[in-house]
Protein backbone atom coordinates (compact mmCIF):
# COMPACT_ATOMS: atom_id res chain seq x y z
CA MET A 1 23.94 211.29 137.52
CA ALA A 2 22.77 211.09 133.89
CA LYS A 3 25.52 210.39 131.39
CA MET A 4 26.08 211.44 127.82
CA LEU A 5 26.91 209.40 124.71
CA ASP A 6 24.76 206.39 125.56
CA SER A 7 25.21 203.68 122.94
CA GLU A 8 21.47 203.50 122.15
CA THR A 9 20.69 207.23 122.14
CA THR A 10 23.66 208.74 120.27
CA VAL A 11 24.15 209.60 116.57
CA ALA A 12 27.71 210.25 115.38
CA VAL A 13 29.23 211.88 112.27
CA ILE A 14 32.90 211.75 111.24
CA LEU A 15 34.15 214.54 108.96
CA GLY A 16 37.49 215.60 107.51
CA ALA A 17 40.05 214.58 104.92
CA SER A 18 43.63 213.41 104.49
CA ASP A 19 44.06 214.62 100.89
CA TRP A 20 43.82 218.32 99.96
CA SER A 21 45.46 218.12 96.58
CA LYS A 22 42.88 220.49 95.10
CA ALA A 23 43.73 223.05 97.78
CA GLY A 24 47.45 222.61 97.21
CA LEU A 25 48.13 221.08 100.62
CA GLY A 26 49.06 217.53 99.65
CA LYS A 27 48.27 214.39 101.67
CA ALA A 28 48.69 213.36 105.32
CA LYS A 29 48.18 209.72 106.32
CA SER A 30 48.12 210.59 110.02
CA PHE A 31 44.71 212.23 109.48
CA LEU A 32 43.42 209.10 107.74
CA ARG A 33 44.61 206.82 110.55
CA SER A 34 43.22 209.18 113.21
CA ALA A 35 39.75 209.10 111.64
CA ALA A 36 39.91 205.31 111.16
CA TYR A 37 40.93 204.63 114.78
CA PHE A 38 38.26 206.98 116.13
CA ASN A 39 35.66 205.23 113.97
CA ILE A 40 36.73 201.87 115.49
CA TYR A 41 36.48 203.30 119.01
CA LEU A 42 32.94 204.55 118.44
CA THR A 43 31.63 201.12 117.39
CA ARG A 44 33.75 198.90 119.65
CA SER A 45 31.80 197.31 122.51
CA PHE A 46 31.72 198.98 125.93
CA PRO A 47 33.99 199.67 127.84
CA GLU A 48 36.74 199.41 125.17
CA GLY A 49 34.58 201.78 123.09
CA LEU A 50 31.23 203.56 123.11
CA GLY A 51 29.48 200.58 121.50
CA LEU A 52 27.43 202.74 119.09
CA ASN A 53 25.09 201.08 116.63
CA PRO A 54 26.88 201.18 113.23
CA GLU A 55 23.58 202.27 111.69
CA PHE A 56 23.78 205.44 113.83
CA LEU A 57 27.23 206.37 112.47
CA LEU A 58 27.84 208.41 109.28
CA ASN A 59 31.46 208.43 108.10
CA LEU A 60 32.16 211.18 105.53
CA PHE A 61 35.91 211.30 106.04
CA ASP A 62 37.72 211.71 102.68
CA ASP A 63 34.32 211.86 100.95
CA VAL A 64 34.77 213.28 97.44
CA ALA A 65 31.41 215.08 97.50
CA PRO A 66 31.44 218.88 97.77
CA SER A 67 30.78 220.51 101.13
CA SER A 68 27.16 221.38 100.30
CA ALA A 69 26.36 217.76 99.47
CA GLN A 70 28.00 216.58 102.68
CA LEU A 71 25.92 219.04 104.72
CA ALA A 72 22.76 217.73 103.06
CA ARG A 73 23.70 214.14 103.90
CA ILE A 74 24.42 215.12 107.51
CA ARG A 75 21.02 216.84 107.80
CA ASP A 76 19.03 213.95 106.28
CA PHE A 77 20.93 211.23 108.19
CA ILE A 78 20.48 212.82 111.63
CA LYS A 79 16.92 214.02 111.01
CA ASP A 80 15.67 210.60 109.83
CA ILE A 81 17.08 208.80 112.86
CA VAL A 82 15.82 211.42 115.33
CA LEU A 83 12.30 211.25 113.89
CA ASP A 84 12.32 207.46 113.68
CA ARG A 85 13.33 207.13 117.36
CA ARG A 86 11.30 210.05 118.72
CA ASP A 87 8.37 207.99 120.11
CA THR A 88 10.42 205.01 121.31
CA GLU A 89 11.74 204.22 124.79
CA LYS A 90 15.23 205.23 123.60
CA PRO A 91 14.93 208.53 121.68
CA ILE A 92 18.07 210.20 120.35
CA VAL A 93 19.61 212.48 123.00
CA ASP A 94 23.15 213.24 121.76
CA VAL A 95 24.66 214.15 118.37
CA LEU A 96 28.46 213.73 118.25
CA ILE A 97 30.45 215.51 115.52
CA TYR A 98 34.15 214.65 115.05
CA TYR A 99 36.33 216.53 112.55
CA VAL A 100 40.02 215.96 111.84
CA GLY A 101 41.74 217.96 109.14
CA HIS A 102 42.68 221.56 108.24
CA GLY A 103 40.76 224.53 109.56
CA ALA A 104 40.89 228.17 108.55
CA SER A 105 39.23 231.46 109.48
CA ASP A 106 39.24 234.05 106.73
CA ASP A 107 37.13 236.89 108.11
CA GLY A 108 37.42 236.29 111.85
CA ASP A 109 33.76 235.33 112.17
CA THR A 110 33.52 231.84 110.71
CA LEU A 111 35.63 228.71 111.00
CA HIS A 112 35.97 226.73 107.75
CA LEU A 113 36.53 222.96 107.91
CA LEU A 114 38.31 221.87 104.73
CA VAL A 115 37.09 218.74 102.94
CA ARG A 116 38.68 216.71 100.16
CA ASP A 117 36.89 218.76 97.50
CA SER A 118 38.09 222.12 98.90
CA GLY A 119 39.83 224.17 96.19
CA HIS A 120 42.86 226.42 96.22
CA GLY A 121 41.95 230.08 96.58
CA ILE A 122 38.32 229.29 97.33
CA GLU A 123 38.81 227.45 100.59
CA ALA A 124 36.01 229.31 102.36
CA GLN A 125 33.52 228.72 99.54
CA SER A 126 34.40 225.02 99.12
CA SER A 127 34.64 223.98 102.80
CA ILE A 128 32.12 223.30 105.59
CA SER A 129 31.67 226.45 107.62
CA THR A 130 30.73 226.06 111.27
CA ARG A 131 27.94 228.52 110.67
CA ASP A 132 26.37 226.24 108.02
CA LEU A 133 27.02 223.17 110.19
CA ALA A 134 25.18 224.88 113.06
CA LYS A 135 22.15 225.53 110.86
CA VAL A 136 22.06 221.89 109.76
CA LEU A 137 22.20 220.65 113.37
CA LYS A 138 19.47 223.08 114.43
CA VAL A 139 17.17 221.67 111.75
CA ALA A 140 18.06 217.99 112.14
CA ALA A 141 18.40 217.83 115.97
CA PRO A 142 16.68 220.83 117.57
CA GLN A 143 16.09 219.16 120.96
CA GLN A 144 19.33 217.16 121.24
CA ARG A 145 22.72 217.89 122.79
CA ARG A 146 25.38 218.77 120.20
CA LEU A 147 28.87 217.58 121.16
CA CYS A 148 31.67 218.60 118.77
CA ILE A 149 35.32 217.54 118.72
CA PHE A 150 37.50 219.61 116.35
CA ASP A 151 41.05 218.41 115.63
CA CYS A 152 41.84 221.17 113.17
CA CYS A 153 45.46 221.56 112.18
CA PHE A 154 47.89 221.57 109.33
CA SER A 155 49.69 218.26 108.92
CA GLU A 156 52.45 217.20 111.37
CA GLY A 157 55.63 219.21 110.75
CA ALA A 158 54.26 221.38 107.94
CA VAL A 159 52.59 223.96 110.18
CA SER A 160 55.01 226.76 109.22
CA ALA A 161 54.76 225.95 105.51
CA PHE A 162 51.00 226.39 105.49
CA ALA A 163 50.76 229.20 108.07
CA ALA A 164 49.26 231.49 105.43
CA MET A 165 46.07 229.43 105.64
CA GLY A 166 45.55 230.86 109.13
CA GLY A 167 46.11 229.15 112.46
CA LEU A 168 43.34 227.47 114.44
CA ASP A 169 42.82 230.29 116.91
CA GLU A 170 39.79 231.70 118.66
CA ALA A 171 37.74 230.59 115.63
CA VAL A 172 37.74 227.15 117.20
CA THR A 173 36.88 228.14 120.75
CA LYS A 174 34.79 231.25 120.33
CA ILE A 175 33.64 231.78 116.74
CA ALA A 176 32.64 228.14 116.18
CA ALA A 177 30.91 228.08 119.55
CA ASN A 178 28.93 231.20 118.71
CA ASN A 179 28.00 229.66 115.34
CA LEU A 180 26.71 226.45 116.92
CA VAL A 181 24.82 227.80 119.94
CA ALA A 182 21.10 228.27 119.40
CA GLU A 183 19.41 228.61 122.76
CA PRO A 184 20.31 228.16 126.47
CA PRO A 185 20.93 224.50 127.40
CA ASN A 186 18.89 222.42 129.80
CA PRO A 187 19.95 219.04 131.28
CA LYS A 188 19.22 217.35 127.94
CA ARG A 189 20.16 220.19 125.60
CA GLY A 190 23.18 222.36 124.91
CA THR A 191 26.41 222.60 122.92
CA LEU A 192 29.94 221.53 123.81
CA LEU A 193 33.11 222.08 121.74
CA LEU A 194 36.37 220.29 122.51
CA CYS A 195 39.12 221.85 120.38
CA SER A 196 42.71 220.84 119.82
CA SER A 197 44.07 224.42 120.04
CA PRO A 198 43.25 227.65 121.89
CA ARG A 199 43.42 231.19 120.61
CA GLY A 200 46.51 232.02 118.60
CA SER A 201 47.83 228.44 118.35
CA ALA A 202 47.83 225.86 115.60
CA SER A 203 47.40 222.14 116.18
CA ILE A 204 50.80 220.53 115.71
CA GLY A 205 52.39 217.09 115.84
CA GLN A 206 55.48 215.03 115.12
CA PRO A 207 56.44 214.54 111.45
CA ASN A 208 55.42 211.13 110.07
CA ALA A 209 53.46 210.37 113.23
CA GLU A 210 50.97 207.50 113.35
CA ARG A 211 48.15 209.88 114.27
CA THR A 212 47.69 213.58 114.88
CA LEU A 213 49.01 214.75 118.25
CA PHE A 214 45.59 215.64 119.66
CA THR A 215 43.61 212.63 118.36
CA GLY A 216 46.50 210.30 119.23
CA ALA A 217 46.45 211.52 122.84
CA LEU A 218 42.65 211.36 122.91
CA LEU A 219 42.56 207.75 121.69
CA HIS A 220 45.37 206.77 124.07
CA LEU A 221 43.30 208.06 126.99
CA LEU A 222 40.07 206.44 125.78
CA GLN A 223 41.72 203.07 125.06
CA GLN A 224 44.01 202.87 128.12
CA GLY A 225 42.02 204.83 130.69
CA SER A 226 43.09 207.53 133.11
CA GLU A 227 45.96 206.78 135.51
CA THR A 228 44.93 209.48 137.98
CA ARG A 229 41.13 209.33 138.02
CA HIS A 230 39.17 206.57 139.74
CA ASP A 231 35.67 207.29 138.45
CA PRO A 232 34.20 204.73 136.05
CA MET A 233 33.32 207.45 133.53
CA LEU A 234 35.24 210.48 132.21
CA SER A 235 33.69 213.86 131.47
CA PHE A 236 34.71 216.24 128.68
CA ALA A 237 36.52 218.32 131.33
CA ASP A 238 38.49 215.22 132.40
CA ILE A 239 39.28 214.46 128.76
CA LYS A 240 40.61 217.96 128.10
CA ASP A 241 43.01 217.92 131.08
CA ASP A 242 44.26 214.34 130.69
CA VAL A 243 44.75 214.69 126.92
CA PHE A 244 46.98 217.70 127.50
CA GLU A 245 49.11 215.73 130.00
CA ILE A 246 49.59 212.97 127.42
CA MET A 247 50.48 215.55 124.74
CA LEU A 248 53.17 216.96 127.06
CA GLN A 249 54.69 213.48 127.42
CA GLU A 250 54.62 212.63 123.72
CA TYR A 251 55.63 215.97 122.18
CA LYS A 252 59.07 217.47 122.72
CA GLY A 253 58.25 221.11 123.14
CA SER A 254 55.22 223.10 124.19
CA PRO A 255 52.09 221.68 122.58
CA PRO A 256 48.96 223.85 122.46
CA ARG A 257 46.56 223.33 125.34
CA PRO A 258 43.17 221.93 124.22
CA ALA A 259 40.19 224.18 124.82
CA LEU A 260 36.71 223.23 126.07
CA HIS A 261 33.85 225.64 125.55
CA GLN A 262 30.18 225.51 126.49
CA PRO A 263 28.27 228.68 125.57
CA ASN A 264 25.77 229.69 128.24
CA GLN A 265 25.95 227.42 131.30
CA GLN A 266 23.06 229.00 133.20
CA ASP A 267 21.06 225.75 133.23
CA GLY A 268 23.90 223.40 134.12
CA ASP A 269 27.50 222.49 133.37
CA LEU A 270 27.55 219.82 130.66
CA THR A 271 31.36 219.65 130.78
CA ARG A 272 31.19 217.62 134.03
CA LEU A 273 28.63 215.03 132.93
CA PRO A 274 29.98 211.46 132.52
CA ALA A 275 30.57 210.76 128.83
CA PHE A 276 33.40 208.29 128.07
CA PRO A 277 34.19 205.00 129.91
CA ASN A 278 37.36 205.03 132.04
CA VAL A 279 38.50 201.61 130.87
CA ARG A 280 41.37 201.33 133.39
CA GLU A 281 39.08 201.83 136.38
CA LEU A 282 36.36 199.58 134.94
CA ARG A 283 38.87 196.79 134.37
CA ARG A 284 40.19 197.17 137.92
CA ARG A 285 36.68 196.95 139.33
CA ALA A 286 35.90 193.93 137.17
CA GLU A 287 39.05 192.14 138.37
CA GLU A 288 38.22 193.01 141.97
CA SER A 289 34.69 191.69 141.49
CA VAL A 290 36.05 188.42 140.06
CA ARG A 291 38.50 188.13 142.97
CA HIS A 292 35.73 188.68 145.51
CA GLU A 293 33.57 186.12 143.72
CA ASP A 294 36.41 183.58 143.79
CA ASP A 295 36.94 184.22 147.51
CA ARG A 296 33.20 183.80 148.11
CA ARG A 297 33.14 180.49 146.23
CA ILE A 298 36.18 179.21 148.12
CA GLU A 299 34.56 180.16 151.43
CA GLU A 300 31.31 178.46 150.40
CA THR A 301 33.24 175.34 149.41
CA ARG A 302 35.06 175.32 152.76
CA ARG A 303 31.82 175.71 154.71
CA ALA A 304 30.13 173.02 152.63
CA GLU A 305 33.05 170.66 153.33
CA GLU A 306 32.84 171.40 157.05
CA LYS A 307 29.11 170.70 157.02
CA ARG A 308 29.68 167.49 155.09
CA LEU A 309 32.32 166.31 157.55
CA ALA A 310 30.08 167.20 160.49
CA ALA A 311 27.18 165.35 158.91
CA ALA A 312 29.41 162.34 158.19
CA GLU A 313 30.63 162.32 161.81
CA ALA A 314 27.07 162.60 163.11
CA LYS A 315 26.01 159.74 160.84
CA ARG A 316 28.94 157.64 162.03
CA LEU A 317 28.01 158.18 165.68
CA GLU A 318 24.37 157.45 164.94
CA ASP A 319 25.35 154.25 163.10
CA GLU A 320 27.46 153.17 166.06
CA ARG A 321 24.56 153.83 168.43
CA LEU A 322 22.13 151.90 166.24
CA SER A 323 24.63 149.06 165.87
CA ALA A 324 25.11 148.83 169.63
CA GLU A 325 21.35 148.92 170.14
CA ALA A 326 20.90 146.14 167.58
CA THR A 327 23.56 144.06 169.32
CA ARG A 328 21.81 144.43 172.67
CA LEU A 329 18.48 143.47 171.13
CA GLU A 330 20.02 140.39 169.49
CA GLN A 331 21.40 139.29 172.90
CA GLY A 332 17.96 139.70 174.46
CA GLN A 333 19.12 142.47 176.78
CA PRO A 334 17.12 145.66 176.25
CA ALA A 335 18.83 148.92 176.97
CA VAL A 336 16.85 149.40 180.21
CA ALA A 337 17.96 146.01 181.51
CA GLN A 338 21.54 146.83 180.59
CA ASP A 339 21.29 150.09 182.55
CA GLU A 340 19.82 148.28 185.59
CA GLU A 341 22.59 145.68 185.44
CA GLY A 342 25.21 148.42 185.30
CA LEU A 343 23.59 150.12 188.33
CA GLY A 344 23.76 146.79 190.24
CA ARG A 345 27.45 146.47 189.45
CA LYS A 346 28.08 149.94 190.81
CA LYS A 347 26.24 149.13 194.04
CA ARG A 348 28.24 145.93 194.53
CA ARG A 349 31.50 147.79 193.84
CA TRP A 350 30.73 150.48 196.42
CA ARG A 351 29.70 147.77 198.92
CA ALA A 352 33.07 146.02 198.47
CA ILE A 353 34.88 149.35 198.93
CA ALA A 354 32.93 149.94 202.18
CA TRP A 355 33.86 146.48 203.57
CA THR A 356 37.50 147.03 202.61
CA ALA A 357 37.53 150.37 204.42
CA ALA A 358 35.99 148.78 207.52
CA GLY A 359 38.61 146.04 207.53
CA PHE A 360 41.33 148.65 207.18
CA LEU A 361 40.02 150.56 210.19
CA VAL A 362 39.94 147.36 212.29
CA THR A 363 43.48 146.50 211.27
CA ALA A 364 44.71 149.98 212.05
CA SER A 365 43.09 149.89 215.48
CA ALA A 366 44.78 146.57 216.26
CA VAL A 367 48.15 147.96 215.25
CA ILE A 368 47.72 151.05 217.44
CA TYR A 369 46.67 148.89 220.41
CA ALA A 370 49.70 146.64 219.96
CA GLY A 371 51.96 149.69 219.87
CA TYR A 372 50.66 151.09 223.14
CA THR A 373 50.80 147.67 224.80
CA PHE A 374 54.15 146.23 223.78
CA LEU A 375 56.41 149.16 222.93
CA PRO A 376 56.73 150.48 226.52
CA ARG A 377 58.12 147.14 227.54
CA LEU A 378 60.95 147.63 225.05
CA GLN A 379 61.80 150.99 226.64
CA THR A 380 61.27 152.73 223.25
CA PRO A 381 59.62 156.15 223.39
CA ILE A 382 56.62 156.57 221.10
CA GLN A 383 56.27 160.07 219.56
CA HIS A 384 52.94 159.45 217.84
CA PRO A 385 50.66 156.47 217.67
CA MET A 386 50.96 156.35 213.85
CA TRP A 387 54.78 156.67 213.74
CA PHE A 388 56.75 153.49 213.69
CA THR A 389 60.10 153.72 215.46
CA PRO A 390 62.73 150.96 215.30
CA ILE A 391 61.56 147.77 217.07
CA PRO A 392 63.15 144.36 217.43
CA PRO A 393 63.33 142.26 214.28
CA SER A 394 60.58 139.92 215.38
CA SER A 395 58.15 142.78 215.94
CA SER A 396 59.14 144.63 212.78
CA GLU A 397 58.67 141.51 210.67
CA ALA A 398 55.20 141.18 212.08
CA ALA A 399 54.45 144.87 211.58
CA ALA A 400 55.93 145.16 208.05
CA PRO A 401 52.86 143.83 206.25
CA VAL A 402 50.65 146.21 208.23
CA ALA A 403 52.91 149.20 207.53
CA THR A 404 52.95 148.29 203.90
CA SER A 405 49.19 148.11 203.84
CA ILE A 406 48.99 151.56 205.47
CA THR A 407 51.58 153.46 203.41
CA SER A 408 50.96 151.83 200.04
CA ALA A 409 48.08 153.50 198.20
CA PRO A 410 46.86 152.30 194.82
CA THR A 411 47.66 154.79 192.02
CA GLU A 412 45.74 155.15 188.75
CA ALA A 413 47.84 154.31 185.68
CA ALA A 414 48.37 157.27 183.28
CA ALA A 415 46.69 156.97 179.86
CA PRO A 416 49.23 156.23 177.09
CA GLU A 417 49.84 159.02 174.52
CA PRO A 418 48.65 158.26 170.92
CA PRO A 419 51.57 156.95 168.79
CA TRP A 420 51.29 159.78 166.19
CA SER A 421 50.65 162.70 168.51
CA GLY A 422 52.19 165.90 167.12
CA PHE A 423 51.79 164.87 163.47
CA THR A 424 49.39 166.44 160.94
CA VAL A 425 47.72 164.68 158.03
CA SER A 426 45.73 165.67 154.93
CA ILE A 427 43.69 163.31 152.73
CA VAL A 428 43.21 163.52 148.96
CA ALA A 429 40.58 161.02 147.71
CA CYS A 430 40.10 160.33 143.98
CA GLY A 431 37.43 157.83 142.93
CA ILE A 432 37.01 156.47 146.50
CA ASP A 433 33.64 155.92 148.20
CA ASP A 434 32.80 157.93 151.32
CA SER A 435 32.86 154.92 153.67
CA ALA A 436 36.53 154.17 152.91
CA VAL A 437 37.43 157.82 153.42
CA ALA A 438 35.50 157.92 156.71
CA ARG A 439 37.24 154.76 158.01
CA SER A 440 40.65 156.19 157.08
CA SER A 441 39.83 159.52 158.74
CA GLU A 442 38.60 157.83 161.92
CA PHE A 443 41.62 155.51 162.17
CA LEU A 444 44.13 158.34 161.68
CA GLY A 445 42.32 160.43 164.30
CA ILE A 446 42.63 157.56 166.83
CA GLN A 447 46.35 157.37 166.03
CA GLY A 448 46.75 161.01 167.17
CA PHE A 449 46.91 162.81 163.80
CA VAL A 450 45.55 166.37 163.50
CA TYR A 451 44.02 167.32 160.15
CA SER A 452 45.81 170.28 158.55
CA ASP A 453 43.31 170.71 155.68
CA PRO A 454 39.78 169.49 154.83
CA THR A 455 39.61 166.27 152.85
CA VAL A 456 39.77 166.89 149.08
CA ARG A 457 37.42 164.73 147.00
CA THR A 458 37.53 164.40 143.21
CA ASN A 459 36.99 161.91 140.43
CA THR A 460 39.67 163.41 138.17
CA ARG A 461 43.34 162.76 138.73
CA GLN A 462 45.05 165.96 139.82
CA LYS A 463 48.66 166.93 139.25
CA GLY A 464 50.98 165.42 141.89
CA LEU A 465 48.53 162.67 142.93
CA ALA A 466 50.04 159.21 143.47
CA GLN A 467 49.20 156.42 141.00
CA THR A 468 47.85 154.17 143.78
CA SER A 469 46.78 154.66 147.38
CA THR A 470 49.93 155.83 149.15
CA LEU A 471 51.13 157.33 152.44
CA LEU A 472 53.62 160.13 151.70
CA PHE A 473 56.08 161.06 154.48
CA TYR A 474 58.96 163.57 154.62
CA ASP A 475 61.19 162.41 157.51
CA ASP A 476 63.72 159.60 156.91
CA MET A 477 63.69 158.77 160.63
CA ILE A 478 60.07 157.52 160.65
CA VAL A 479 60.16 155.08 157.72
CA ASP A 480 59.65 152.07 160.00
CA ARG A 481 56.71 153.74 161.75
CA VAL A 482 55.15 154.68 158.41
CA SER A 483 55.55 151.09 157.21
CA LYS A 484 53.59 149.83 160.21
CA LEU A 485 51.02 152.61 159.83
CA SER A 486 50.55 151.62 156.16
CA SER A 487 49.95 147.99 157.14
CA ASP A 488 47.53 148.90 159.95
CA LEU A 489 45.62 151.33 157.75
CA SER A 490 45.31 148.73 154.98
CA ASN A 491 43.87 146.23 157.46
CA GLU A 492 41.48 148.85 158.87
CA THR A 493 40.09 150.10 155.51
CA GLY A 494 40.37 147.00 153.37
CA LEU A 495 42.44 148.98 150.82
CA THR A 496 45.97 148.30 149.64
CA ILE A 497 47.91 151.33 150.84
CA GLY A 498 51.63 151.69 150.20
CA TYR A 499 54.08 154.31 151.44
CA ALA A 500 56.73 156.49 149.83
CA LYS A 501 59.12 159.32 150.68
CA GLY A 502 57.85 162.68 149.33
CA LYS A 503 60.20 165.02 147.43
CA SER A 504 58.73 168.44 148.21
CA SER A 505 59.75 170.75 151.06
CA ILE A 506 56.82 169.88 153.33
CA PRO A 507 57.31 169.89 157.17
CA ARG A 508 58.64 166.61 158.55
CA ASN A 509 55.66 166.14 160.84
CA GLN A 510 53.26 166.18 157.84
CA ILE A 511 51.74 163.01 156.38
CA ILE A 512 49.70 163.02 153.13
CA LEU A 513 47.35 160.14 152.37
CA ASP A 514 46.45 159.74 148.66
CA LEU A 515 43.44 157.41 148.28
CA VAL A 516 43.14 156.38 144.61
CA GLY A 517 40.26 154.18 143.47
CA ASP A 518 39.13 152.64 140.19
CA GLU A 519 36.82 155.59 139.50
CA CYS A 520 39.75 158.06 139.42
CA SER A 521 40.05 159.15 135.79
CA LEU A 522 42.55 161.21 133.85
CA PRO A 523 41.62 164.87 133.14
CA THR A 524 40.03 165.57 129.78
CA GLN A 525 42.57 166.82 127.23
CA PRO A 526 41.77 170.32 125.90
């Protein structure tokens, strides 16, 4: 969907005043601050503002020139920029008019926007009428969208004192709209008016407020974003509704409801087009994007570390294979000869097993024969040829070795459990070459350790890292075992590795190995 108020295709004009001494209305600093803050918002970079080019912004607030001169400057300023950009890739599409000050309607047909030069008793003749403003915009920007924001009110708590000037009623929402409309809008043409008050109401605010009630709520929404909308951009319709909610929260009473008017919507509703950045939603999306990017980088780092460890393990195995092959070649025994020799050993072993089995069968047969021959003479019943019932001592002594040889079967010894089975270990290496890390990792794996985290490698000393290579343990009951492990690991790696009791609340079955080399440097001071 196309959006309005693009930073490169928008011209803006700020009108109004904070001093109406000539009209007998005095001064109001809240108007001055409202215009100043809105000017900052227009030029501030996106999304904290619209990011308009300062050269495309005409600020006539508190200008001392009469209304006719101001209208001439508005016409020439807009017309020159529109013509200059007409044949470029970024022609002017939108003209934004913002007015903050006092408004009056004397005859019910025309809204008068008071300027600093407006005089008492001749307010209509010395102010900018919306009818004249419409003519200027038709001449200067005939093909552009005209977007007007009118914050017309008497100053803060002085509404009742200046009520004779006329409230900002339908002149803002109907009369001004009829003045400004020229022809039916198309997607890139049309007129919108956002007004601070509807028919029969005056724009009001708190006495001595920082800004006017309407512009203050408008800037709060534009600078903080909408709490209830999750679109990245806000339309004029969104602005109207959300500004009123903020006015209800800030004003104790019943503030006037802002009015939004688009004459003739037959070619499309411009009130729903995206116009202003919803800074709250854009910030949330930016933070979410950064979080996803961080997660992606962490995942890539983890995968890279896994690949590196796998490559290191593959290289280690390949080095061992090449080393064994080199050893065989040095001994003059090629791999094929070694394999043939191993096959010969297997044949001899199976041959010995076969002879042993044959001897066992012969021995067993002799025992069975002796049982059938001699036991009947002893009047001892035989239940089964392989059962040995009590016999005289002389016979049992002779048969004991045989029985032992029959009933005793060789059993395979169980493999011993690694000494550190059930313990986990993590390695942090700073300024240590890969070979030393690999030797440490291999030795700890043989000892039965399970790695809880991938090995961390760095050349900059991190917070919490030991000053020298150290084994950190967290169970007072294993200090003697850790002492031996430290000595064995030092012998295995060629490094001097001490041990120390850690102070943090890490599980007792956790061991941390800090490998610190000469290349480990302190972090650069900011």
